[in-house]
Structure formats: structure tokens, C-alpha cells
Amino acid sequence: MKTDMRKLTINFILFIIGAALLPIGCTEVPSLGSIAPDVRYKNRKQYAISGMGQNIGDFLSSSSTLPLNFEIVNVWETNGLEISSFDEEIAVVSYNAPIVGGESEEELRLKTDTVMKPAVSLNLFTGKLEILEGNRIPAGEYHFDIRVSNTSGSTLLRDAIVIEFKEYEVASWSTGMTKAPEIERVADAPNQIRFVAHLDGTPLPGDRIDFTANRASGFKGTFVNDTPEGEIWKVNFPVKSADTYCSWQIIEEVGGVVNTTYVTENMNFVLGRPGSYVIKLFK
């Protein structure tokens, strides 16, 4: 009898232990090929200059099983702007054979192909947004919904990346200027810049400013004309970042004698989207 009681006690204890372990035994283990719930892009908000080439987006895969594939599902702009410029095709030169060095111009030509690619695309394997130089994307804030997938399925990341496009940027200016240069895109054509240099609050005519100092390091362009409204230069787009020097002509009359001197300041600017621009400088 004591033996039977002892068996019943042991069985009861084992039953209690088994019941306690049951929830642990049923805990769900992530399956092979799963996508982690915390996948995302590092630094979701990004900035770009229209017209410039740029790769954007460092994807954080967390514990997801690789490889992952990426696809743009939707693009929209905060204020409802059209996004047709994202699909505009741009000619891109790509190599179809290794470059060994010493090739003639004709040999290099035979090793290249010109292909048409959309202004903005998503790399299928890395998730990076590839923005081509020469795009005509208007200034605005663009949102991207992106689908991430692997062998187990997919997940949709809404607002995965937000890119604010700007058409131009003043990167730096010397402390000798009274304030930052001002840039305005005034028309779609012609592709030119009109520089207006202000001295003590008064705009100077074009023949009283000059961009000859350190031209080798300055913006790339062709002088067109000096006008009463400023100095005009023809440029090719995009106008890439360059350390540009502007000289103001200072005319002073002392004791009936007119003295002419020059003072030079520098700035660094970028113009992305083609068009006609006015750049105001202040001294």
C-alpha cells in the first residue's frame, strides 16, 4: 500500500512539473528565413541636391535571414507634387569588358555601352536608392514605401526613407561677407547664373565684380556679359561644389583723386537642377 501511495505521489509531482514546463516547450522559435520585426533604414530622413548623383540608404537587417530583396511600392511627395521625374530615363555609360589600361579612344568606345536608366531606382539586393546625375527632380520632400522580402515572405515598410530634395545649396562663405549668399532659381532656361554683388547695401553693375581670382578652383562656366544688373555666366548642370572667389571693385575719391581697389571673398555653392539662377553676394 505504501508503495502505491509513493507511486501516486511521484506521478502527481511529475504531472505538476510537466504542466509548468508546457508553456516553455510551446514558445515560438523564429523560423529559418524570417524577417526581423525591427528592420529599418539607418537615418530615415535624408537630403539630396536635385541634378546630382547620389546613393542613399543604409539598411539595418537586424536578425533577418539573408539575402534580402527590396522593392519600391509607392512614392509620394508631402505637398502632392508630381513624381514623374523619378521615372525619366537618363543615358548612362557602362563598361561591358575589363579595362586593362593603355586602351585607345576607339578601344574604350568598344568596351562601353550606353543604356537608359530611370532617374531614381532601388538596388534589388542592397536596398540603396540610386539617384542618377542629371535628374530633374523638383525641390520637395519625398516619401518611399519599400517592401523587404526573403524566402519566408515579405514586410512593407511605410515611410521607410524620406528624402528632402533641394535645387541648390550654399555650402560655405567667408566671414568677410556681411551675410550668407542668396540663391534663387528664376526660370527653367537659359542655363546661366547672374551674379549680383552688393556693396554696403547697394547692388553693383556687372563690370564692378569679377571672378578671375583662383579660377582654376572655382565654378566651371563661360563668361557671357557684364550688365547693369550683374555679371552673367553660362554654365553646364549640375554646377558642382567649388571654392569660388568673387572680387568687389572699390572706388574711393580722396582729395580729388579716385582710387580703385579690389577686395576678394570666397564661397562654395552647388546648383543641381538646370535653369536660370540669380546669386546675390553681400559685402
C-alpha atoms as a PDB file:
ATOM      1  CA  MET A   1       0.000   0.000   0.000  1.00  0.00           C
ATOM      2  CA  LYS A   2       2.819   2.337   0.893  1.00  0.00           C
ATOM      3  CA  THR A   3       4.434   1.554  -2.470  1.00  0.00           C
ATOM      4  CA  ASP A   4       1.246   2.501  -4.341  1.00  0.00           C
ATOM      5  CA  MET A   5       0.976   5.777  -2.434  1.00  0.00           C
ATOM      6  CA  ARG A   6       4.587   6.515  -3.163  1.00  0.00           C
ATOM      7  CA  LYS A   7       3.980   5.919  -6.919  1.00  0.00           C
ATOM      8  CA  LEU A   8       0.911   8.156  -6.894  1.00  0.00           C
ATOM      9  CA  THR A   9       2.891  10.937  -5.183  1.00  0.00           C
ATOM     10  CA  ILE A  10       5.724  10.703  -7.710  1.00  0.00           C
ATOM     11  CA  ASN A  11       3.288  10.708 -10.651  1.00  0.00           C
ATOM     12  CA  PHE A  12       1.489  13.742  -9.240  1.00  0.00           C
ATOM     13  CA  ILE A  13       4.766  15.632  -8.850  1.00  0.00           C
ATOM     14  CA  LEU A  14       5.807  14.746 -12.410  1.00  0.00           C
ATOM     15  CA  PHE A  15       2.412  15.949 -13.683  1.00  0.00           C
ATOM     16  CA  ILE A  16       2.827  19.327 -11.924  1.00  0.00           C
ATOM     17  CA  ILE A  17       6.363  19.738 -13.304  1.00  0.00           C
ATOM     18  CA  GLY A  18       5.211  18.838 -16.819  1.00  0.00           C
ATOM     19  CA  ALA A  19       2.333  21.302 -16.672  1.00  0.00           C
ATOM     20  CA  ALA A  20       4.715  24.042 -15.528  1.00  0.00           C
ATOM     21  CA  LEU A  21       7.126  23.355 -18.393  1.00  0.00           C
ATOM     22  CA  LEU A  22       4.409  23.140 -21.035  1.00  0.00           C
ATOM     23  CA  PRO A  23       4.331  26.900 -21.883  1.00  0.00           C
ATOM     24  CA  ILE A  24       8.124  26.890 -22.218  1.00  0.00           C
ATOM     25  CA  GLY A  25       8.032  23.931 -24.555  1.00  0.00           C
ATOM     26  CA  CYS A  26       5.465  25.720 -26.763  1.00  0.00           C
ATOM     27  CA  THR A  27       7.394  29.021 -27.069  1.00  0.00           C
ATOM     28  CA  GLU A  28       7.570  30.002 -30.767  1.00  0.00           C
ATOM     29  CA  VAL A  29      11.059  29.860 -32.255  1.00  0.00           C
ATOM     30  CA  PRO A  30      11.754  32.152 -35.258  1.00  0.00           C
ATOM     31  CA  SER A  31      11.773  30.044 -38.369  1.00  0.00           C
ATOM     32  CA  LEU A  32      14.600  29.899 -40.855  1.00  0.00           C
ATOM     33  CA  GLY A  33      14.189  32.667 -43.398  1.00  0.00           C
ATOM     34  CA  SER A  34      12.307  35.036 -41.100  1.00  0.00           C
ATOM     35  CA  ILE A  35      12.359  38.849 -41.334  1.00  0.00           C
ATOM     36  CA  ALA A  36      13.117  40.534 -38.026  1.00  0.00           C
ATOM     37  CA  PRO A  37      10.370  42.855 -36.752  1.00  0.00           C
ATOM     38  CA  ASP A  38      12.836  45.729 -36.214  1.00  0.00           C
ATOM     39  CA  VAL A  39      14.280  46.003 -39.747  1.00  0.00           C
ATOM     40  CA  ARG A  40      14.667  49.619 -40.864  1.00  0.00           C
ATOM     41  CA  TYR A  41      16.868  52.166 -42.599  1.00  0.00           C
ATOM     42  CA  LYS A  42      19.518  53.976 -40.603  1.00  0.00           C
ATOM     43  CA  ASN A  43      18.924  57.758 -40.627  1.00  0.00           C
ATOM     44  CA  ARG A  44      15.457  57.615 -42.184  1.00  0.00           C
ATOM     45  CA  LYS A  45      15.455  61.346 -43.087  1.00  0.00           C
ATOM     46  CA  GLN A  46      17.961  62.140 -45.845  1.00  0.00           C
ATOM     47  CA  TYR A  47      18.885  65.111 -48.034  1.00  0.00           C
ATOM     48  CA  ALA A  48      19.818  65.357 -51.705  1.00  0.00           C
ATOM     49  CA  ILE A  49      20.550  68.020 -54.314  1.00  0.00           C
ATOM     50  CA  SER A  50      18.413  67.757 -57.441  1.00  0.00           C
ATOM     51  CA  GLY A  51      20.515  67.009 -60.508  1.00  0.00           C
ATOM     52  CA  MET A  52      23.342  65.426 -58.522  1.00  0.00           C
ATOM     53  CA  GLY A  53      24.174  61.713 -58.434  1.00  0.00           C
ATOM     54  CA  GLN A  54      23.905  60.086 -55.023  1.00  0.00           C
ATOM     55  CA  ASN A  55      23.344  56.695 -53.335  1.00  0.00           C
ATOM     56  CA  ILE A  56      21.134  56.845 -50.228  1.00  0.00           C
ATOM     57  CA  GLY A  57      20.085  54.307 -47.609  1.00  0.00           C
ATOM     58  CA  ASP A  58      21.938  52.049 -45.179  1.00  0.00           C
ATOM     59  CA  PHE A  59      19.586  49.185 -44.367  1.00  0.00           C
ATOM     60  CA  LEU A  60      19.699  47.537 -40.935  1.00  0.00           C
ATOM     61  CA  SER A  61      18.656  43.893 -41.362  1.00  0.00           C
ATOM     62  CA  SER A  62      18.878  43.037 -37.627  1.00  0.00           C
ATOM     63  CA  SER A  63      18.489  39.253 -37.166  1.00  0.00           C
ATOM     64  CA  SER A  64      16.762  38.672 -40.536  1.00  0.00           C
ATOM     65  CA  THR A  65      17.882  35.749 -42.625  1.00  0.00           C
ATOM     66  CA  LEU A  66      19.854  36.892 -45.669  1.00  0.00           C
ATOM     67  CA  PRO A  67      19.697  37.527 -48.548  1.00  0.00           C
ATOM     68  CA  LEU A  68      17.006  40.190 -48.585  1.00  0.00           C
ATOM     69  CA  ASN A  69      15.372  41.709 -51.643  1.00  0.00           C
ATOM     70  CA  PHE A  70      13.977  45.238 -51.929  1.00  0.00           C
ATOM     71  CA  GLU A  71      11.241  46.860 -53.996  1.00  0.00           C
ATOM     72  CA  ILE A  72       9.728  50.366 -54.152  1.00  0.00           C
ATOM     73  CA  VAL A  73       5.973  50.054 -53.656  1.00  0.00           C
ATOM     74  CA  ASN A  74       4.977  53.716 -53.545  1.00  0.00           C
ATOM     75  CA  VAL A  75       6.497  57.202 -53.707  1.00  0.00           C
ATOM     76  CA  TRP A  76       4.670  60.370 -52.706  1.00  0.00           C
ATOM     77  CA  GLU A  77       5.550  63.999 -52.021  1.00  0.00           C
ATOM     78  CA  THR A  78       4.428  65.804 -48.863  1.00  0.00           C
ATOM     79  CA  ASN A  79       2.656  68.608 -50.747  1.00  0.00           C
ATOM     80  CA  GLY A  80       1.284  66.455 -53.560  1.00  0.00           C
ATOM     81  CA  LEU A  81       3.914  67.276 -56.203  1.00  0.00           C
ATOM     82  CA  GLU A  82       4.162  65.075 -59.284  1.00  0.00           C
ATOM     83  CA  ILE A  83       6.765  62.302 -59.132  1.00  0.00           C
ATOM     84  CA  SER A  84       7.013  61.623 -62.874  1.00  0.00           C
ATOM     85  CA  SER A  85      10.601  62.958 -62.848  1.00  0.00           C
ATOM     86  CA  PHE A  86      11.642  59.858 -60.881  1.00  0.00           C
ATOM     87  CA  ASP A  87      10.901  57.662 -63.908  1.00  0.00           C
ATOM     88  CA  GLU A  88      12.548  59.899 -66.520  1.00  0.00           C
ATOM     89  CA  GLU A  89      15.259  57.869 -68.235  1.00  0.00           C
ATOM     90  CA  ILE A  90      18.855  59.101 -68.273  1.00  0.00           C
ATOM     91  CA  ALA A  91      21.632  57.858 -70.544  1.00  0.00           C
ATOM     92  CA  VAL A  92      24.328  56.055 -68.561  1.00  0.00           C
ATOM     93  CA  VAL A  93      27.625  54.740 -69.951  1.00  0.00           C
ATOM     94  CA  SER A  94      28.553  51.297 -68.618  1.00  0.00           C
ATOM     95  CA  TYR A  95      31.553  49.031 -69.327  1.00  0.00           C
ATOM     96  CA  ASN A  96      30.968  45.639 -70.936  1.00  0.00           C
ATOM     97  CA  ALA A  97      34.595  44.443 -70.717  1.00  0.00           C
ATOM     98  CA  PRO A  98      37.534  44.826 -68.286  1.00  0.00           C
ATOM     99  CA  ILE A  99      39.735  47.918 -68.603  1.00  0.00           C
ATOM    100  CA  VAL A 100      43.383  46.820 -68.658  1.00  0.00           C
ATOM    101  CA  GLY A 101      44.981  50.210 -69.261  1.00  0.00           C
ATOM    102  CA  GLY A 102      46.531  51.709 -72.373  1.00  0.00           C
ATOM    103  CA  GLU A 103      43.369  51.393 -74.479  1.00  0.00           C
ATOM    104  CA  SER A 104      42.915  53.816 -77.338  1.00  0.00           C
ATOM    105  CA  GLU A 105      39.833  56.012 -77.525  1.00  0.00           C
ATOM    106  CA  GLU A 106      38.344  53.634 -80.083  1.00  0.00           C
ATOM    107  CA  GLU A 107      39.070  50.573 -77.908  1.00  0.00           C
ATOM    108  CA  LEU A 108      37.426  52.226 -74.917  1.00  0.00           C
ATOM    109  CA  ARG A 109      34.393  53.049 -77.032  1.00  0.00           C
ATOM    110  CA  LEU A 110      34.049  49.383 -77.995  1.00  0.00           C
ATOM    111  CA  LYS A 111      34.158  48.400 -74.313  1.00  0.00           C
ATOM    112  CA  THR A 112      31.243  50.637 -73.354  1.00  0.00           C
ATOM    113  CA  ASP A 113      27.504  50.603 -73.814  1.00  0.00           C
ATOM    114  CA  THR A 114      25.047  53.449 -73.365  1.00  0.00           C
ATOM    115  CA  VAL A 115      21.969  52.291 -71.512  1.00  0.00           C
ATOM    116  CA  MET A 116      18.875  54.173 -70.349  1.00  0.00           C
ATOM    117  CA  LYS A 117      18.072  54.028 -66.649  1.00  0.00           C
ATOM    118  CA  PRO A 118      15.395  55.728 -64.524  1.00  0.00           C
ATOM    119  CA  ALA A 119      16.471  58.816 -62.607  1.00  0.00           C
ATOM    120  CA  VAL A 120      15.755  57.040 -59.298  1.00  0.00           C
ATOM    121  CA  SER A 121      15.860  53.286 -58.720  1.00  0.00           C
ATOM    122  CA  LEU A 122      16.256  50.895 -55.793  1.00  0.00           C
ATOM    123  CA  ASN A 123      19.065  48.354 -55.743  1.00  0.00           C
ATOM    124  CA  LEU A 124      17.325  44.984 -55.514  1.00  0.00           C
ATOM    125  CA  PHE A 125      19.989  43.446 -53.277  1.00  0.00           C
ATOM    126  CA  THR A 126      21.325  46.290 -51.080  1.00  0.00           C
ATOM    127  CA  GLY A 127      18.218  48.434 -50.655  1.00  0.00           C
ATOM    128  CA  LYS A 128      20.140  51.593 -51.607  1.00  0.00           C
ATOM    129  CA  LEU A 129      18.311  54.278 -53.557  1.00  0.00           C
ATOM    130  CA  GLU A 130      20.376  55.111 -56.634  1.00  0.00           C
ATOM    131  CA  ILE A 131      19.863  58.685 -57.852  1.00  0.00           C
ATOM    132  CA  LEU A 132      21.455  59.468 -61.221  1.00  0.00           C
ATOM    133  CA  GLU A 133      23.260  62.676 -62.096  1.00  0.00           C
ATOM    134  CA  GLY A 134      21.225  64.779 -64.498  1.00  0.00           C
ATOM    135  CA  ASN A 135      17.879  64.114 -62.825  1.00  0.00           C
ATOM    136  CA  ARG A 136      15.285  66.900 -62.889  1.00  0.00           C
ATOM    137  CA  ILE A 137      13.569  66.238 -59.570  1.00  0.00           C
ATOM    138  CA  PRO A 138      11.863  69.395 -58.233  1.00  0.00           C
ATOM    139  CA  ALA A 139      12.555  70.568 -54.703  1.00  0.00           C
ATOM    140  CA  GLY A 140      10.314  68.756 -52.232  1.00  0.00           C
ATOM    141  CA  GLU A 141      10.055  66.100 -49.533  1.00  0.00           C
ATOM    142  CA  TYR A 142       9.561  62.622 -50.982  1.00  0.00           C
ATOM    143  CA  HIS A 143       8.417  59.540 -49.045  1.00  0.00           C
ATOM    144  CA  PHE A 144       9.266  55.958 -50.047  1.00  0.00           C
ATOM    145  CA  ASP A 145       7.278  52.832 -49.082  1.00  0.00           C
ATOM    146  CA  ILE A 146       9.561  49.825 -49.542  1.00  0.00           C
ATOM    147  CA  ARG A 147       8.843  46.089 -49.473  1.00  0.00           C
ATOM    148  CA  VAL A 148      11.546  43.851 -47.977  1.00  0.00           C
ATOM    149  CA  SER A 149      11.395  40.132 -48.702  1.00  0.00           C
ATOM    150  CA  ASN A 150      13.279  36.850 -48.356  1.00  0.00           C
ATOM    151  CA  THR A 151      12.469  33.136 -48.625  1.00  0.00           C
ATOM    152  CA  SER A 152       9.958  33.335 -45.759  1.00  0.00           C
ATOM    153  CA  GLY A 153       7.809  36.166 -47.090  1.00  0.00           C
ATOM    154  CA  SER A 154       7.823  39.956 -47.035  1.00  0.00           C
ATOM    155  CA  THR A 155       7.119  43.031 -44.935  1.00  0.00           C
ATOM    156  CA  LEU A 156       6.109  46.516 -46.065  1.00  0.00           C
ATOM    157  CA  LEU A 157       7.997  49.460 -44.555  1.00  0.00           C
ATOM    158  CA  ARG A 158       5.863  52.553 -44.947  1.00  0.00           C
ATOM    159  CA  ASP A 159       7.827  55.808 -44.977  1.00  0.00           C
ATOM    160  CA  ALA A 160      10.991  53.709 -44.958  1.00  0.00           C
ATOM    161  CA  ILE A 161      13.029  56.661 -46.264  1.00  0.00           C
ATOM    162  CA  VAL A 162      12.159  60.350 -46.547  1.00  0.00           C
ATOM    163  CA  ILE A 163      14.373  62.415 -48.868  1.00  0.00           C
ATOM    164  CA  GLU A 164      14.263  66.194 -48.979  1.00  0.00           C
ATOM    165  CA  PHE A 165      15.468  67.396 -52.376  1.00  0.00           C
ATOM    166  CA  LYS A 166      16.902  70.884 -52.745  1.00  0.00           C
ATOM    167  CA  GLU A 167      17.671  72.544 -56.085  1.00  0.00           C
ATOM    168  CA  TYR A 168      20.741  74.380 -54.787  1.00  0.00           C
ATOM    169  CA  GLU A 169      22.880  74.843 -51.710  1.00  0.00           C
ATOM    170  CA  VAL A 170      25.327  77.365 -50.283  1.00  0.00           C
ATOM    171  CA  ALA A 171      27.887  75.140 -48.577  1.00  0.00           C
ATOM    172  CA  SER A 172      30.139  77.866 -47.123  1.00  0.00           C
ATOM    173  CA  TRP A 173      31.095  81.534 -47.357  1.00  0.00           C
ATOM    174  CA  SER A 174      33.904  83.642 -45.944  1.00  0.00           C
ATOM    175  CA  THR A 175      33.436  85.711 -42.810  1.00  0.00           C
ATOM    176  CA  GLY A 176      34.282  88.867 -44.775  1.00  0.00           C
ATOM    177  CA  MET A 177      30.807  88.759 -46.287  1.00  0.00           C
ATOM    178  CA  THR A 178      28.112  90.567 -44.296  1.00  0.00           C
ATOM    179  CA  LYS A 179      25.736  87.582 -44.637  1.00  0.00           C
ATOM    180  CA  ALA A 180      25.276  84.313 -46.491  1.00  0.00           C
ATOM    181  CA  PRO A 181      24.902  84.450 -50.284  1.00  0.00           C
ATOM    182  CA  GLU A 182      21.320  84.100 -51.527  1.00  0.00           C
ATOM    183  CA  ILE A 183      20.380  81.830 -54.443  1.00  0.00           C
ATOM    184  CA  GLU A 184      17.133  81.895 -56.417  1.00  0.00           C
ATOM    185  CA  ARG A 185      16.080  79.789 -59.383  1.00  0.00           C
ATOM    186  CA  VAL A 186      14.167  82.283 -61.532  1.00  0.00           C
ATOM    187  CA  ALA A 187      13.409  80.339 -64.752  1.00  0.00           C
ATOM    188  CA  ASP A 188      13.731  76.978 -66.496  1.00  0.00           C
ATOM    189  CA  ALA A 189      16.002  78.494 -69.158  1.00  0.00           C
ATOM    190  CA  PRO A 190      18.595  79.540 -70.184  1.00  0.00           C
ATOM    191  CA  ASN A 191      21.188  77.605 -68.183  1.00  0.00           C
ATOM    192  CA  GLN A 192      23.036  80.518 -66.652  1.00  0.00           C
ATOM    193  CA  ILE A 193      23.925  82.387 -63.463  1.00  0.00           C
ATOM    194  CA  ARG A 194      23.559  86.120 -62.931  1.00  0.00           C
ATOM    195  CA  PHE A 195      25.779  87.249 -60.060  1.00  0.00           C
ATOM    196  CA  VAL A 196      24.715  90.393 -58.230  1.00  0.00           C
ATOM    197  CA  ALA A 197      27.317  91.742 -55.800  1.00  0.00           C
ATOM    198  CA  HIS A 198      26.047  94.127 -53.111  1.00  0.00           C
ATOM    199  CA  LEU A 199      28.399  96.644 -51.507  1.00  0.00           C
ATOM    200  CA  ASP A 200      27.185  98.439 -48.369  1.00  0.00           C
ATOM    201  CA  GLY A 201      23.611  97.531 -49.266  1.00  0.00           C
ATOM    202  CA  THR A 202      23.812  98.703 -52.910  1.00  0.00           C
ATOM    203  CA  PRO A 203      23.851  96.281 -55.873  1.00  0.00           C
ATOM    204  CA  LEU A 204      26.802  96.851 -58.200  1.00  0.00           C
ATOM    205  CA  PRO A 205      26.754  96.639 -62.021  1.00  0.00           C
ATOM    206  CA  GLY A 206      28.441  93.630 -63.564  1.00  0.00           C
ATOM    207  CA  ASP A 207      31.612  95.481 -64.535  1.00  0.00           C
ATOM    208  CA  ARG A 208      32.400  96.101 -60.863  1.00  0.00           C
ATOM    209  CA  ILE A 209      32.622  92.441 -59.867  1.00  0.00           C
ATOM    210  CA  ASP A 210      34.993  89.782 -61.104  1.00  0.00           C
ATOM    211  CA  PHE A 211      35.558  86.022 -60.821  1.00  0.00           C
ATOM    212  CA  THR A 212      39.083  85.760 -62.256  1.00  0.00           C
ATOM    213  CA  ALA A 213      40.800  85.115 -58.907  1.00  0.00           C
ATOM    214  CA  ASN A 214      41.684  81.432 -58.474  1.00  0.00           C
ATOM    215  CA  ARG A 215      39.507  80.484 -61.465  1.00  0.00           C
ATOM    216  CA  ALA A 216      41.054  77.014 -61.661  1.00  0.00           C
ATOM    217  CA  SER A 217      39.351  76.049 -58.390  1.00  0.00           C
ATOM    218  CA  GLY A 218      36.122  77.972 -58.987  1.00  0.00           C
ATOM    219  CA  PHE A 219      32.802  77.002 -60.559  1.00  0.00           C
ATOM    220  CA  LYS A 220      33.041  75.866 -64.177  1.00  0.00           C
ATOM    221  CA  GLY A 221      31.402  78.242 -66.626  1.00  0.00           C
ATOM    222  CA  THR A 222      31.841  80.634 -69.547  1.00  0.00           C
ATOM    223  CA  PHE A 223      31.650  84.400 -69.131  1.00  0.00           C
ATOM    224  CA  VAL A 224      28.777  85.914 -71.157  1.00  0.00           C
ATOM    225  CA  ASN A 225      28.378  89.599 -70.353  1.00  0.00           C
ATOM    226  CA  ASP A 226      28.524  92.413 -67.827  1.00  0.00           C
ATOM    227  CA  THR A 227      25.143  94.096 -67.464  1.00  0.00           C
ATOM    228  CA  PRO A 228      23.826  96.881 -65.201  1.00  0.00           C
ATOM    229  CA  GLU A 229      22.002  94.121 -63.259  1.00  0.00           C
ATOM    230  CA  GLY A 230      25.075  91.929 -62.694  1.00  0.00           C
ATOM    231  CA  GLU A 231      27.604  89.605 -64.322  1.00  0.00           C
ATOM    232  CA  ILE A 232      26.271  86.684 -66.404  1.00  0.00           C
ATOM    233  CA  TRP A 233      27.901  83.271 -66.836  1.00  0.00           C
ATOM    234  CA  LYS A 234      26.789  80.311 -68.949  1.00  0.00           C
ATOM    235  CA  VAL A 235      27.101  77.015 -67.053  1.00  0.00           C
ATOM    236  CA  ASN A 236      26.543  73.307 -67.577  1.00  0.00           C
ATOM    237  CA  PHE A 237      24.471  71.454 -65.000  1.00  0.00           C
ATOM    238  CA  PRO A 238      24.903  70.274 -62.409  1.00  0.00           C
ATOM    239  CA  VAL A 239      27.225  73.013 -61.133  1.00  0.00           C
ATOM    240  CA  LYS A 240      29.293  71.031 -58.661  1.00  0.00           C
ATOM    241  CA  SER A 241      30.789  72.193 -55.388  1.00  0.00           C
ATOM    242  CA  ALA A 242      33.749  74.520 -55.986  1.00  0.00           C
ATOM    243  CA  ASP A 243      35.698  77.110 -53.984  1.00  0.00           C
ATOM    244  CA  THR A 244      34.767  80.276 -55.886  1.00  0.00           C
ATOM    245  CA  TYR A 245      36.315  83.723 -55.393  1.00  0.00           C
ATOM    246  CA  CYS A 246      34.463  86.956 -56.096  1.00  0.00           C
ATOM    247  CA  SER A 247      36.189  90.352 -56.204  1.00  0.00           C
ATOM    248  CA  TRP A 248      34.387  93.632 -55.497  1.00  0.00           C
ATOM    249  CA  GLN A 249      35.715  96.809 -57.139  1.00  0.00           C
ATOM    250  CA  ILE A 250      36.001  99.556 -54.504  1.00  0.00           C
ATOM    251  CA  ILE A 251      36.065 103.116 -55.853  1.00  0.00           C
ATOM    252  CA  GLU A 252      37.001 105.894 -53.442  1.00  0.00           C
ATOM    253  CA  GLU A 253      37.761 109.558 -54.049  1.00  0.00           C
ATOM    254  CA  VAL A 254      40.351 111.087 -51.729  1.00  0.00           C
ATOM    255  CA  GLY A 255      41.426 114.728 -52.202  1.00  0.00           C
ATOM    256  CA  GLY A 256      40.088 114.815 -55.727  1.00  0.00           C
ATOM    257  CA  VAL A 257      41.924 111.618 -56.624  1.00  0.00           C
ATOM    258  CA  VAL A 258      39.934 108.494 -57.497  1.00  0.00           C
ATOM    259  CA  ASN A 259      41.420 105.307 -56.081  1.00  0.00           C
ATOM    260  CA  THR A 260      40.324 101.878 -57.263  1.00  0.00           C
ATOM    261  CA  THR A 261      41.000  98.784 -55.181  1.00  0.00           C
ATOM    262  CA  TYR A 262      39.639  95.241 -55.038  1.00  0.00           C
ATOM    263  CA  VAL A 263      38.574  93.074 -52.133  1.00  0.00           C
ATOM    264  CA  THR A 264      38.035  89.336 -52.606  1.00  0.00           C
ATOM    265  CA  GLU A 265      35.862  86.880 -50.705  1.00  0.00           C
ATOM    266  CA  ASN A 266      35.133  83.216 -51.364  1.00  0.00           C
ATOM    267  CA  MET A 267      32.143  80.904 -51.232  1.00  0.00           C
ATOM    268  CA  ASN A 268      31.199  77.324 -52.090  1.00  0.00           C
ATOM    269  CA  PHE A 269      27.873  76.556 -53.763  1.00  0.00           C
ATOM    270  CA  VAL A 270      26.052  73.818 -55.680  1.00  0.00           C
ATOM    271  CA  LEU A 271      23.353  74.164 -58.353  1.00  0.00           C
ATOM    272  CA  GLY A 272      21.601  70.934 -59.252  1.00  0.00           C
ATOM    273  CA  ARG A 273      18.507  71.380 -61.377  1.00  0.00           C
ATOM    274  CA  PRO A 274      19.079  73.079 -64.778  1.00  0.00           C
ATOM    275  CA  GLY A 275      17.712  76.581 -65.212  1.00  0.00           C
ATOM    276  CA  SER A 276      18.425  80.264 -64.778  1.00  0.00           C
ATOM    277  CA  TYR A 277      19.692  81.382 -61.363  1.00  0.00           C
ATOM    278  CA  VAL A 278      20.443  84.641 -59.571  1.00  0.00           C
ATOM    279  CA  ILE A 279      23.129  84.578 -56.873  1.00  0.00           C
ATOM    280  CA  LYS A 280      23.392  87.609 -54.595  1.00  0.00           C
ATOM    281  CA  LEU A 281      26.612  88.308 -52.692  1.00  0.00           C
ATOM    282  CA  PHE A 282      26.895  90.777 -49.829  1.00  0.00           C
ATOM    283  CA  LYS A 283      29.913  92.826 -48.758  1.00  0.00           C
END
